PDB file of N, CA and C in Angstrom:
ATOM      1  N   MET A   1       0.221  18.186   2.823  1.00  0.00           N
ATOM      2  CA  MET A   1       0.056  17.688   1.428  1.00  0.00           C
ATOM      3  C   MET A   1      -1.063  18.204   0.090  1.00  0.00           C
ATOM      4  N   GLY A   2      -2.046  17.824   0.352  1.00  0.00           N
ATOM      5  CA  GLY A   2      -3.666  18.211  -0.103  1.00  0.00           C
ATOM      6  C   GLY A   2      -3.231  17.745  -1.500  1.00  0.00           C
ATOM      7  N   ASP A   3      -3.558  18.716  -2.472  1.00  0.00           N
ATOM      8  CA  ASP A   3      -4.344  18.927  -3.443  1.00  0.00           C
ATOM      9  C   ASP A   3      -2.983  18.842  -4.548  1.00  0.00           C
ATOM     10  N   ASP A   4      -1.533  18.974  -3.944  1.00  0.00           N
ATOM     11  CA  ASP A   4      -0.516  18.584  -4.750  1.00  0.00           C
ATOM     12  C   ASP A   4       0.029  17.403  -4.543  1.00  0.00           C
ATOM     13  N   VAL A   5      -1.014  16.320  -4.385  1.00  0.00           N
ATOM     14  CA  VAL A   5      -0.167  15.128  -4.026  1.00  0.00           C
ATOM     15  C   VAL A   5      -0.950  14.516  -5.571  1.00  0.00           C
ATOM     16  N   LYS A   6       0.429  14.079  -6.203  1.00  0.00           N
ATOM     17  CA  LYS A   6       0.204  13.044  -7.417  1.00  0.00           C
ATOM     18  C   LYS A   6       0.980  11.989  -7.740  1.00  0.00           C
ATOM     19  N   VAL A   7       0.094  10.699  -8.115  1.00  0.00           N
ATOM     20  CA  VAL A   7       1.212   9.466  -7.700  1.00  0.00           C
ATOM     21  C   VAL A   7       1.508   9.199  -9.450  1.00  0.00           C
ATOM     22  N   ASP A   8       2.647   8.549  -9.381  1.00  0.00           N
ATOM     23  CA  ASP A   8       3.020   8.832 -10.765  1.00  0.00           C
ATOM     24  C   ASP A   8       2.468   7.083 -11.035  1.00  0.00           C
ATOM     25  N   VAL A   9       1.377   7.221 -12.263  1.00  0.00           N
ATOM     26  CA  VAL A   9       0.354   6.472 -12.605  1.00  0.00           C
ATOM     27  C   VAL A   9       1.295   4.632 -12.677  1.00  0.00           C
ATOM     28  N   GLY A  10       2.545   5.074 -13.632  1.00  0.00           N
ATOM     29  CA  GLY A  10       3.108   3.756 -14.287  1.00  0.00           C
ATOM     30  C   GLY A  10       4.118   3.541 -13.217  1.00  0.00           C
ATOM     31  N   THR A  11       4.686   4.212 -12.273  1.00  0.00           N
ATOM     32  CA  THR A  11       5.678   3.979 -11.223  1.00  0.00           C
ATOM     33  C   THR A  11       4.518   2.742 -10.138  1.00  0.00           C
ATOM     34  N   PHE A  12       3.328   3.371  -9.893  1.00  0.00           N
ATOM     35  CA  PHE A  12       2.745   2.503  -8.881  1.00  0.00           C
ATOM     36  C   PHE A  12       2.228   1.145  -9.390  1.00  0.00           C
ATOM     37  N   GLY A  13       1.835   1.506 -10.952  1.00  0.00           N
ATOM     38  CA  GLY A  13       1.375   0.097 -11.675  1.00  0.00           C
ATOM     39  C   GLY A  13       2.403  -0.944 -11.928  1.00  0.00           C
ATOM     40  N   THR A  14       3.691  -0.576 -11.992  1.00  0.00           N
ATOM     41  CA  THR A  14       4.809  -1.238 -12.028  1.00  0.00           C
ATOM     42  C   THR A  14       4.945  -1.836 -10.471  1.00  0.00           C
ATOM     43  N   ARG A  15       4.950  -1.120  -9.480  1.00  0.00           N
ATOM     44  CA  ARG A  15       5.142  -2.053  -8.371  1.00  0.00           C
ATOM     45  C   ARG A  15       4.076  -2.583  -7.977  1.00  0.00           C
ATOM     46  N   LEU A  16       2.323  -2.335  -8.225  1.00  0.00           N
ATOM     47  CA  LEU A  16       1.658  -3.031  -7.849  1.00  0.00           C
ATOM     48  C   LEU A  16       1.633  -4.420  -8.000  1.00  0.00           C
ATOM     49  N   GLN A  17       1.937  -4.416  -9.470  1.00  0.00           N
ATOM     50  CA  GLN A  17       2.384  -5.934 -10.646  1.00  0.00           C
ATOM     51  C   GLN A  17       3.186  -6.829  -9.615  1.00  0.00           C
ATOM     52  N   LYS A  18       4.445  -6.165  -9.277  1.00  0.00           N
ATOM     53  CA  LYS A  18       5.527  -7.050  -8.577  1.00  0.00           C
ATOM     54  C   LYS A  18       4.989  -7.497  -7.299  1.00  0.00           C
ATOM     55  N   LEU A  19       4.208  -6.747  -6.562  1.00  0.00           N
ATOM     56  CA  LEU A  19       3.498  -7.009  -5.287  1.00  0.00           C
ATOM     57  C   LEU A  19       2.623  -8.160  -6.023  1.00  0.00           C
ATOM     58  N   TYR A  20       1.873  -8.250  -6.553  1.00  0.00           N
ATOM     59  CA  TYR A  20       0.800  -9.527  -7.227  1.00  0.00           C
ATOM     60  C   TYR A  20       1.941 -10.526  -7.403  1.00  0.00           C
ATOM     61  N   LYS A  21       2.271 -10.324  -8.170  1.00  0.00           N
ATOM     62  CA  LYS A  21       3.435 -11.155  -8.529  1.00  0.00           C
ATOM     63  C   LYS A  21       3.820 -12.576  -7.628  1.00  0.00           C
ATOM     64  N   HIS A  22       4.971 -11.423  -6.774  1.00  0.00           N
ATOM     65  CA  HIS A  22       5.401 -12.057  -5.143  1.00  0.00           C
ATOM     66  C   HIS A  22       4.373 -12.805  -4.658  1.00  0.00           C
ATOM     67  N   TRP A  23       3.392 -11.855  -4.156  1.00  0.00           N
ATOM     68  CA  TRP A  23       2.125 -12.708  -3.798  1.00  0.00           C
ATOM     69  C   TRP A  23       1.448 -13.780  -3.866  1.00  0.00           C
ATOM     70  N   PHE A  24       1.315 -13.796  -5.263  1.00  0.00           N
ATOM     71  CA  PHE A  24       0.907 -15.101  -6.124  1.00  0.00           C
ATOM     72  C   PHE A  24       2.119 -16.410  -6.304  1.00  0.00           C
ATOM     73  N   ASP A  25       3.468 -15.536  -6.427  1.00  0.00           N
ATOM     74  CA  ASP A  25       4.148 -17.028  -6.502  1.00  0.00           C
ATOM     75  C   ASP A  25       4.821 -17.474  -4.887  1.00  0.00           C
ATOM     76  N   GLN A  26       4.809 -16.834  -4.546  1.00  0.00           N
ATOM     77  CA  GLN A  26       4.812 -17.089  -2.542  1.00  0.00           C
ATOM     78  C   GLN A  26       3.645 -17.406  -1.559  1.00  0.00           C
ATOM     79  N   ARG A  27       2.518 -17.157  -2.417  1.00  0.00           N
ATOM     80  CA  ARG A  27       1.462 -17.167  -1.362  1.00  0.00           C
ATOM     81  C   ARG A  27       1.412 -18.270  -0.040  1.00  0.00           C
ATOM     82  N   ASP A  28       1.830 -19.348  -0.800  1.00  0.00           N
ATOM     83  CA  ASP A  28       1.611 -20.691   0.450  1.00  0.00           C
ATOM     84  C   ASP A  28       2.838 -20.366   1.756  1.00  0.00           C
ATOM     85  N   THR A  29       3.940 -19.625   0.952  1.00  0.00           N
ATOM     86  CA  THR A  29       5.169 -20.107   1.644  1.00  0.00           C
ATOM     87  C   THR A  29       5.286 -18.401   2.654  1.00  0.00           C
ATOM     88  N   ALA A  30       5.602 -17.798   1.855  1.00  0.00           N
ATOM     89  CA  ALA A  30       6.216 -15.885   2.449  1.00  0.00           C
ATOM     90  C   ALA A  30       4.979 -15.625   2.900  1.00  0.00           C
ATOM     91  N   TRP A  31       3.490 -15.995   2.654  1.00  0.00           N
ATOM     92  CA  TRP A  31       2.359 -14.881   2.335  1.00  0.00           C
ATOM     93  C   TRP A  31       1.217 -16.032   3.396  1.00  0.00           C
ATOM     94  N   GLY A  32       1.757 -17.409   3.735  1.00  0.00           N
ATOM     95  CA  GLY A  32       0.943 -17.568   5.131  1.00  0.00           C
ATOM     96  C   GLY A  32      -0.042 -18.317   3.776  1.00  0.00           C
ATOM     97  N   GLY A  33      -0.488 -18.534   3.090  1.00  0.00           N
ATOM     98  CA  GLY A  33      -1.662 -18.988   2.236  1.00  0.00           C
ATOM     99  C   GLY A  33      -3.267 -17.625   2.505  1.00  0.00           C
ATOM    100  N   SER A  34      -2.569 -16.673   2.266  1.00  0.00           N
ATOM    101  CA  SER A  34      -3.354 -15.503   2.542  1.00  0.00           C
ATOM    102  C   SER A  34      -4.678 -15.400   0.833  1.00  0.00           C
ATOM    103  N   ARG A  35      -5.679 -15.212   1.269  1.00  0.00           N
ATOM    104  CA  ARG A  35      -6.339 -14.875  -0.047  1.00  0.00           C
ATOM    105  C   ARG A  35      -6.725 -13.688  -0.517  1.00  0.00           C
ATOM    106  N   ALA A  36      -5.783 -12.516   0.509  1.00  0.00           N
ATOM    107  CA  ALA A  36      -6.347 -10.911   0.363  1.00  0.00           C
ATOM    108  C   ALA A  36      -5.031 -10.152   1.242  1.00  0.00           C
ATOM    109  N   LEU A  37      -4.551  -9.052   1.351  1.00  0.00           N
ATOM    110  CA  LEU A  37      -3.966  -8.423   1.753  1.00  0.00           C
ATOM    111  C   LEU A  37      -4.335  -7.311   2.601  1.00  0.00           C
ATOM    112  N   ALA A  38      -4.707  -6.597   3.813  1.00  0.00           N
ATOM    113  CA  ALA A  38      -4.773  -5.627   3.910  1.00  0.00           C
ATOM    114  C   ALA A  38      -3.754  -4.559   4.706  1.00  0.00           C
ATOM    115  N   VAL A  39      -3.387  -3.479   4.443  1.00  0.00           N
ATOM    116  CA  VAL A  39      -2.353  -2.823   4.967  1.00  0.00           C
ATOM    117  C   VAL A  39      -2.375  -1.339   5.140  1.00  0.00           C
ATOM    118  N   ALA A  40      -2.915  -1.052   6.401  1.00  0.00           N
ATOM    119  CA  ALA A  40      -3.434   0.317   6.659  1.00  0.00           C
ATOM    120  C   ALA A  40      -2.034   1.009   7.796  1.00  0.00           C
ATOM    121  N   VAL A  41      -2.777   2.235   7.847  1.00  0.00           N
ATOM    122  CA  VAL A  41      -2.023   3.309   8.430  1.00  0.00           C
ATOM    123  C   VAL A  41      -2.141   4.080   8.851  1.00  0.00           C
ATOM    124  N   GLY A  42      -2.037   4.487  10.504  1.00  0.00           N
ATOM    125  CA  GLY A  42      -3.177   5.254  10.947  1.00  0.00           C
ATOM    126  C   GLY A  42      -2.481   6.471  10.705  1.00  0.00           C
ATOM    127  N   SER A  43      -2.966   7.698  11.959  1.00  0.00           N
ATOM    128  CA  SER A  43      -2.379   8.777  11.620  1.00  0.00           C
ATOM    129  C   SER A  43      -0.859   8.962  12.023  1.00  0.00           C
ATOM    130  N   SER A  44      -0.690  10.443  11.411  1.00  0.00           N
ATOM    131  CA  SER A  44       0.591  10.700  11.365  1.00  0.00           C
ATOM    132  C   SER A  44       1.590  10.923  12.622  1.00  0.00           C
ATOM    133  N   THR A  45       2.990  10.468  12.825  1.00  0.00           N
ATOM    134  CA  THR A  45       3.582  10.643  13.773  1.00  0.00           C
ATOM    135  C   THR A  45       4.566  10.369  13.842  1.00  0.00           C
ATOM    136  N   GLU A  46       6.102  10.927  14.157  1.00  0.00           N
ATOM    137  CA  GLU A  46       7.576  10.701  13.910  1.00  0.00           C
ATOM    138  C   GLU A  46       7.559   9.045  13.841  1.00  0.00           C
ATOM    139  N   ASP A  47       6.938   8.779  14.467  1.00  0.00           N
ATOM    140  CA  ASP A  47       7.084   6.462  14.870  1.00  0.00           C
ATOM    141  C   ASP A  47       7.001   5.981  13.568  1.00  0.00           C
ATOM    142  N   LEU A  48       5.630   6.661  12.632  1.00  0.00           N
ATOM    143  CA  LEU A  48       5.445   5.799  11.651  1.00  0.00           C
ATOM    144  C   LEU A  48       6.544   5.458  10.513  1.00  0.00           C
ATOM    145  N   ARG A  49       7.592   6.309  10.570  1.00  0.00           N
ATOM    146  CA  ARG A  49       8.296   6.298   9.395  1.00  0.00           C
ATOM    147  C   ARG A  49       9.263   4.946   9.671  1.00  0.00           C
ATOM    148  N   TYR A  50       8.856   3.912  10.798  1.00  0.00           N
ATOM    149  CA  TYR A  50       9.438   3.436  10.758  1.00  0.00           C
ATOM    150  C   TYR A  50       8.467   1.606  11.138  1.00  0.00           C
ATOM    151  N   LEU A  51       7.367   1.762  10.659  1.00  0.00           N
ATOM    152  CA  LEU A  51       6.164   0.604  10.180  1.00  0.00           C
ATOM    153  C   LEU A  51       6.231   0.048   8.933  1.00  0.00           C
ATOM    154  N   LYS A  52       6.385  -1.106   8.672  1.00  0.00           N
ATOM    155  CA  LYS A  52       6.230  -1.992   7.338  1.00  0.00           C
ATOM    156  C   LYS A  52       5.476  -1.397   6.654  1.00  0.00           C
ATOM    157  N   SER A  53       3.971  -1.091   7.504  1.00  0.00           N
ATOM    158  CA  SER A  53       3.061  -0.452   6.039  1.00  0.00           C
ATOM    159  C   SER A  53       2.718   0.563   5.931  1.00  0.00           C
ATOM    160  N   LEU A  54       3.503   1.260   6.215  1.00  0.00           N
ATOM    161  CA  LEU A  54       4.403   2.736   6.044  1.00  0.00           C
ATOM    162  C   LEU A  54       4.900   2.985   5.091  1.00  0.00           C
ATOM    163  N   THR A  55       5.958   1.939   4.936  1.00  0.00           N
ATOM    164  CA  THR A  55       6.851   1.878   4.470  1.00  0.00           C
ATOM    165  C   THR A  55       6.070   1.192   2.737  1.00  0.00           C
ATOM    166  N   LEU A  56       5.381   0.260   2.549  1.00  0.00           N
ATOM    167  CA  LEU A  56       4.603  -0.085   1.513  1.00  0.00           C
ATOM    168  C   LEU A  56       3.894   0.708   0.993  1.00  0.00           C
ATOM    169  N   HIS A  57       3.023   1.667   1.968  1.00  0.00           N
ATOM    170  CA  HIS A  57       2.804   2.823   1.452  1.00  0.00           C
ATOM    171  C   HIS A  57       3.707   4.068   0.251  1.00  0.00           C
ATOM    172  N   LEU A  58       4.607   3.998   0.929  1.00  0.00           N
ATOM    173  CA  LEU A  58       5.264   4.753   0.086  1.00  0.00           C
ATOM    174  C   LEU A  58       5.341   4.385  -1.049  1.00  0.00           C
ATOM    175  N   TRP A  59       6.590   2.858  -0.505  1.00  0.00           N
ATOM    176  CA  TRP A  59       6.859   2.131  -2.315  1.00  0.00           C
ATOM    177  C   TRP A  59       5.916   2.366  -3.085  1.00  0.00           C
ATOM    178  N   LEU A  60       4.654   2.119  -2.815  1.00  0.00           N
ATOM    179  CA  LEU A  60       4.231   2.016  -4.034  1.00  0.00           C
ATOM    180  C   LEU A  60       2.890   3.132  -4.212  1.00  0.00           C
ATOM    181  N   PHE A  61       2.934   4.167  -3.312  1.00  0.00           N
ATOM    182  CA  PHE A  61       2.626   5.543  -3.801  1.00  0.00           C
ATOM    183  C   PHE A  61       3.516   6.435  -3.946  1.00  0.00           C
ATOM    184  N   GLY A  62       4.602   6.491  -3.353  1.00  0.00           N
ATOM    185  CA  GLY A  62       5.405   7.491  -3.405  1.00  0.00           C
ATOM    186  C   GLY A  62       5.392   8.766  -2.165  1.00  0.00           C
ATOM    187  N   TYR A  63       4.300   8.300  -1.727  1.00  0.00           N
ATOM    188  CA  TYR A  63       3.418   9.057  -0.349  1.00  0.00           C
ATOM    189  C   TYR A  63       3.463   9.035   0.610  1.00  0.00           C
ATOM    190  N   GLU A  64       3.512   9.379   2.182  1.00  0.00           N
ATOM    191  CA  GLU A  64       3.169   8.902   3.127  1.00  0.00           C
ATOM    192  C   GLU A  64       1.714   9.087   2.970  1.00  0.00           C
ATOM    193  N   LEU A  65       0.870   8.511   3.432  1.00  0.00           N
ATOM    194  CA  LEU A  65      -0.862   8.389   3.206  1.00  0.00           C
ATOM    195  C   LEU A  65      -1.658   7.847   4.507  1.00  0.00           C
ATOM    196  N   PRO A  66      -1.760   9.213   5.694  1.00  0.00           N
ATOM    197  CA  PRO A  66      -1.587   9.054   6.923  1.00  0.00           C
ATOM    198  C   PRO A  66      -3.453   8.372   6.850  1.00  0.00           C
ATOM    199  N   GLY A  67      -3.939   7.843   7.796  1.00  0.00           N
ATOM    200  CA  GLY A  67      -5.405   7.296   7.590  1.00  0.00           C
ATOM    201  C   GLY A  67      -5.649   6.796   6.651  1.00  0.00           C
ATOM    202  N   ALA A  68      -5.168   5.917   6.196  1.00  0.00           N
ATOM    203  CA  ALA A  68      -5.138   5.221   4.834  1.00  0.00           C
ATOM    204  C   ALA A  68      -4.926   3.436   4.983  1.00  0.00           C
ATOM    205  N   CYS A  69      -6.106   3.385   4.227  1.00  0.00           N
ATOM    206  CA  CYS A  69      -5.737   1.409   4.305  1.00  0.00           C
ATOM    207  C   CYS A  69      -5.945   0.744   2.601  1.00  0.00           C
ATOM    208  N   VAL A  70      -5.110   0.121   2.259  1.00  0.00           N
ATOM    209  CA  VAL A  70      -5.071  -0.831   1.120  1.00  0.00           C
ATOM    210  C   VAL A  70      -5.710  -2.019   1.380  1.00  0.00           C
ATOM    211  N   VAL A  71      -6.338  -3.072   0.251  1.00  0.00           N
ATOM    212  CA  VAL A  71      -7.155  -4.001   0.802  1.00  0.00           C
ATOM    213  C   VAL A  71      -6.327  -4.476  -1.192  1.00  0.00           C
ATOM    214  N   VAL A  72      -5.839  -5.656  -1.113  1.00  0.00           N
ATOM    215  CA  VAL A  72      -5.269  -5.869  -2.073  1.00  0.00           C
ATOM    216  C   VAL A  72      -5.852  -7.345  -2.066  1.00  0.00           C
ATOM    217  N   ALA A  73      -6.761  -7.734  -3.144  1.00  0.00           N
ATOM    218  CA  ALA A  73      -7.426  -9.199  -3.287  1.00  0.00           C
ATOM    219  C   ALA A  73      -6.902  -9.670  -4.633  1.00  0.00           C
ATOM    220  N   MET A  74      -7.349 -10.949  -5.104  1.00  0.00           N
ATOM    221  CA  MET A  74      -7.277 -12.046  -6.207  1.00  0.00           C
ATOM    222  C   MET A  74      -7.197 -10.632  -7.327  1.00  0.00           C
ATOM    223  N   SER A  75      -8.511 -10.223  -7.445  1.00  0.00           N
ATOM    224  CA  SER A  75      -8.603 -10.220  -8.463  1.00  0.00           C
ATOM    225  C   SER A  75      -9.342  -8.501  -8.800  1.00  0.00           C
ATOM    226  N   LEU A  76      -8.578  -7.381  -7.330  1.00  0.00           N
ATOM    227  CA  LEU A  76      -9.033  -6.186  -7.382  1.00  0.00           C
ATOM    228  C   LEU A  76      -7.871  -5.656  -6.700  1.00  0.00           C
ATOM    229  N   TRP A  77      -8.235  -4.241  -6.463  1.00  0.00           N
ATOM    230  CA  TRP A  77      -7.476  -3.769  -5.096  1.00  0.00           C
ATOM    231  C   TRP A  77      -8.102  -2.343  -5.044  1.00  0.00           C
ATOM    232  N   ARG A  78      -8.290  -2.023  -3.852  1.00  0.00           N
ATOM    233  CA  ARG A  78      -8.802  -0.855  -3.320  1.00  0.00           C
ATOM    234  C   ARG A  78      -8.470   0.014  -2.161  1.00  0.00           C
ATOM    235  N   ALA A  79      -8.104   1.697  -2.256  1.00  0.00           N
ATOM    236  CA  ALA A  79      -7.525   1.920  -1.473  1.00  0.00           C
ATOM    237  C   ALA A  79      -7.963   3.032  -0.989  1.00  0.00           C
ATOM    238  N   ALA A  80      -8.504   3.537   0.573  1.00  0.00           N
ATOM    239  CA  ALA A  80      -9.396   4.559   1.689  1.00  0.00           C
ATOM    240  C   ALA A  80      -8.306   5.113   1.977  1.00  0.00           C
ATOM    241  N   THR A  81      -8.936   6.498   2.031  1.00  0.00           N
ATOM    242  CA  THR A  81      -8.244   7.493   3.240  1.00  0.00           C
ATOM    243  C   THR A  81      -8.776   8.310   3.145  1.00  0.00           C
ATOM    244  N   GLN A  82      -8.602   9.317   4.447  1.00  0.00           N
ATOM    245  CA  GLN A  82      -8.390  10.141   4.918  1.00  0.00           C
ATOM    246  C   GLN A  82      -8.694  11.353   4.354  1.00  0.00           C
ATOM    247  N   ARG A  83      -9.677  12.506   4.400  1.00  0.00           N
ATOM    248  CA  ARG A  83      -9.230  13.847   3.065  1.00  0.00           C
ATOM    249  C   ARG A  83      -7.696  14.387   4.007  1.00  0.00           C
ATOM    250  N   LEU A  84      -7.144  14.851   2.898  1.00  0.00           N
ATOM    251  CA  LEU A  84      -5.552  15.277   3.467  1.00  0.00           C
ATOM    252  C   LEU A  84      -6.035  16.793   3.315  1.00  0.00           C
ATOM    253  N   LEU A  85      -5.276  17.557   4.351  1.00  0.00           N
ATOM    254  CA  LEU A  85      -5.583  19.013   4.116  1.00  0.00           C
ATOM    255  C   LEU A  85      -3.927  19.676   3.972  1.00  0.00           C
TER     256      LEU A  85
END
């Protein structure tokens, strides 16, 4: 991947809003009353393509982000990833 990774900001924003909306609307039922969400993906292996966390990263960013963690809280979100070579 490296320097050619470009996240479509419009698509990312729309999808993040959908995640927030579902979380806020269904927090007590579907999300177990959670106040924050953390979705981590470990190192890249062929088995990762079947994990729910990787699926969420692909849906949000449009890319596999191995070694990444996304944290979504009530009023902010953060993402941290290892350097991609």
